[in-house]
Amino acid sequence: MKNTKKQNLPQKICVVCHRPFTWRKKWEAVWDDVKYCSDRCRTNRQAERASTD
């Protein structure tokens, strides 16, 4: 991802809040496994599952 402009970074949709989020350098090695846009969404994932059942 060297020399990539910010508008050209890959994006994903958060499975909890359904908002798009952009690739971050700290996720470089685990980008394929990233599902949540933030720690807040990651900790609230149980609440999201309970509301869909």
N, C-alpha and C. Protein backbone atom coordinates (compact mmCIF):
# COMPACT_ATOMS: atom_id res chain seq x y z
N MET A 1 0.82 -1.20 0.00
CA MET A 1 0.00 0.00 0.00
C MET A 1 0.87 1.26 0.00
N LYS A 2 2.09 1.14 -0.37
CA LYS A 2 2.98 2.28 -0.36
C LYS A 2 2.60 3.25 -1.47
N ASN A 3 2.61 4.53 -1.15
CA ASN A 3 2.32 5.60 -2.11
C ASN A 3 0.92 5.53 -2.69
N THR A 4 -0.05 5.09 -1.90
CA THR A 4 -1.43 5.05 -2.33
C THR A 4 -2.16 6.26 -1.76
N LYS A 5 -2.88 6.96 -2.61
CA LYS A 5 -3.62 8.13 -2.14
C LYS A 5 -4.79 7.69 -1.27
N LYS A 6 -5.17 8.54 -0.35
CA LYS A 6 -6.22 8.20 0.60
C LYS A 6 -7.54 7.83 -0.07
N GLN A 7 -7.89 8.50 -1.14
CA GLN A 7 -9.16 8.19 -1.80
C GLN A 7 -9.12 6.86 -2.53
N ASN A 8 -7.94 6.27 -2.72
CA ASN A 8 -7.82 4.99 -3.41
C ASN A 8 -7.61 3.80 -2.48
N LEU A 9 -7.72 4.00 -1.18
CA LEU A 9 -7.55 2.91 -0.23
C LEU A 9 -8.77 1.99 -0.26
N PRO A 10 -8.56 0.69 0.00
CA PRO A 10 -9.71 -0.22 0.01
C PRO A 10 -10.66 0.08 1.16
N GLN A 11 -11.92 -0.25 0.96
CA GLN A 11 -12.94 -0.03 1.98
C GLN A 11 -13.71 -1.31 2.23
N LYS A 12 -14.30 -1.39 3.42
CA LYS A 12 -15.20 -2.47 3.79
C LYS A 12 -16.40 -1.86 4.50
N ILE A 13 -17.44 -2.66 4.70
CA ILE A 13 -18.62 -2.24 5.43
C ILE A 13 -18.60 -2.95 6.79
N CYS A 14 -18.77 -2.18 7.85
CA CYS A 14 -18.79 -2.74 9.21
C CYS A 14 -20.02 -3.62 9.37
N VAL A 15 -19.85 -4.81 9.96
CA VAL A 15 -20.97 -5.74 10.11
C VAL A 15 -21.93 -5.33 11.23
N VAL A 16 -21.55 -4.40 12.08
CA VAL A 16 -22.41 -3.95 13.17
C VAL A 16 -23.16 -2.67 12.80
N CYS A 17 -22.43 -1.62 12.43
CA CYS A 17 -23.07 -0.33 12.16
C CYS A 17 -23.37 -0.11 10.68
N HIS A 18 -22.88 -0.98 9.81
CA HIS A 18 -23.12 -0.93 8.37
C HIS A 18 -22.60 0.34 7.71
N ARG A 19 -21.56 0.92 8.28
CA ARG A 19 -20.92 2.09 7.69
C ARG A 19 -19.61 1.67 7.02
N PRO A 20 -19.22 2.36 5.98
CA PRO A 20 -17.94 2.03 5.33
C PRO A 20 -16.76 2.50 6.17
N PHE A 21 -15.70 1.72 6.16
CA PHE A 21 -14.46 2.15 6.80
C PHE A 21 -13.30 1.82 5.88
N THR A 22 -12.22 2.56 6.04
CA THR A 22 -11.09 2.49 5.12
C THR A 22 -9.91 1.77 5.76
N TRP A 23 -9.11 1.15 4.92
CA TRP A 23 -7.90 0.45 5.30
C TRP A 23 -7.01 1.34 6.16
N ARG A 24 -6.40 0.74 7.18
CA ARG A 24 -5.45 1.45 8.04
C ARG A 24 -4.14 0.69 8.06
N LYS A 25 -3.07 1.40 8.25
CA LYS A 25 -1.73 0.79 8.26
C LYS A 25 -1.63 -0.31 9.31
N LYS A 26 -2.25 -0.13 10.49
CA LYS A 26 -2.15 -1.13 11.54
C LYS A 26 -2.90 -2.42 11.18
N TRP A 27 -3.78 -2.36 10.19
CA TRP A 27 -4.52 -3.55 9.73
C TRP A 27 -3.86 -4.21 8.53
N GLU A 28 -2.69 -3.75 8.14
CA GLU A 28 -2.04 -4.22 6.93
C GLU A 28 -1.91 -5.74 6.86
N ALA A 29 -1.48 -6.38 7.94
CA ALA A 29 -1.24 -7.82 7.95
C ALA A 29 -2.53 -8.63 8.10
N VAL A 30 -3.60 -8.01 8.63
CA VAL A 30 -4.83 -8.75 8.93
C VAL A 30 -6.06 -8.18 8.22
N TRP A 31 -5.88 -7.43 7.15
CA TRP A 31 -6.99 -6.76 6.48
C TRP A 31 -8.10 -7.73 6.08
N ASP A 32 -7.77 -8.93 5.68
CA ASP A 32 -8.79 -9.90 5.27
C ASP A 32 -9.66 -10.34 6.44
N ASP A 33 -9.15 -10.24 7.66
CA ASP A 33 -9.89 -10.67 8.85
C ASP A 33 -10.65 -9.54 9.54
N VAL A 34 -10.42 -8.30 9.16
CA VAL A 34 -11.06 -7.15 9.81
C VAL A 34 -12.54 -7.10 9.43
N LYS A 35 -13.41 -7.03 10.46
CA LYS A 35 -14.86 -6.99 10.24
C LYS A 35 -15.51 -5.75 10.82
N TYR A 36 -14.86 -5.14 11.80
CA TYR A 36 -15.46 -4.03 12.55
C TYR A 36 -14.66 -2.76 12.34
N CYS A 37 -15.35 -1.63 12.28
CA CYS A 37 -14.69 -0.35 12.02
C CYS A 37 -13.99 0.22 13.25
N SER A 38 -14.40 -0.25 14.45
CA SER A 38 -13.84 0.33 15.66
C SER A 38 -13.97 -0.66 16.83
N ASP A 39 -13.31 -0.34 17.92
CA ASP A 39 -13.45 -1.16 19.13
C ASP A 39 -14.88 -1.10 19.66
N ARG A 40 -15.51 0.03 19.50
CA ARG A 40 -16.90 0.17 19.95
C ARG A 40 -17.82 -0.82 19.23
N CYS A 41 -17.69 -0.93 17.94
CA CYS A 41 -18.50 -1.89 17.19
C CYS A 41 -18.12 -3.33 17.55
N ARG A 42 -16.85 -3.57 17.75
CA ARG A 42 -16.40 -4.92 18.11
C ARG A 42 -16.99 -5.35 19.45
N THR A 43 -17.05 -4.43 20.41
CA THR A 43 -17.61 -4.78 21.72
C THR A 43 -19.13 -4.84 21.71
N ASN A 44 -19.76 -4.15 20.76
CA ASN A 44 -21.22 -4.15 20.66
C ASN A 44 -21.75 -5.22 19.72
N ARG A 45 -20.91 -6.11 19.23
CA ARG A 45 -21.36 -7.11 18.28
C ARG A 45 -22.36 -8.08 18.87
N GLN A 46 -22.28 -8.38 20.18
CA GLN A 46 -23.26 -9.26 20.82
C GLN A 46 -24.64 -8.62 20.84
N ALA A 47 -24.69 -7.33 21.09
CA ALA A 47 -25.96 -6.61 21.10
C ALA A 47 -26.61 -6.64 19.72
N GLU A 48 -25.80 -6.53 18.68
CA GLU A 48 -26.31 -6.57 17.31
C GLU A 48 -26.87 -7.95 16.99
N ARG A 49 -26.19 -9.00 17.41
CA ARG A 49 -26.67 -10.37 17.18
C ARG A 49 -27.98 -10.62 17.90
N ALA A 50 -28.11 -10.13 19.12
CA ALA A 50 -29.32 -10.36 19.92
C ALA A 50 -30.53 -9.64 19.29
N SER A 51 -30.30 -8.49 18.69
CA SER A 51 -31.41 -7.75 18.09
C SER A 51 -31.88 -8.37 16.78
N THR A 52 -31.03 -9.15 16.11
CA THR A 52 -31.43 -9.76 14.84
C THR A 52 -32.09 -11.11 15.04
N ASP A 53 -31.98 -11.71 16.21
CA ASP A 53 -32.59 -13.02 16.47
C ASP A 53 -34.05 -12.92 16.83
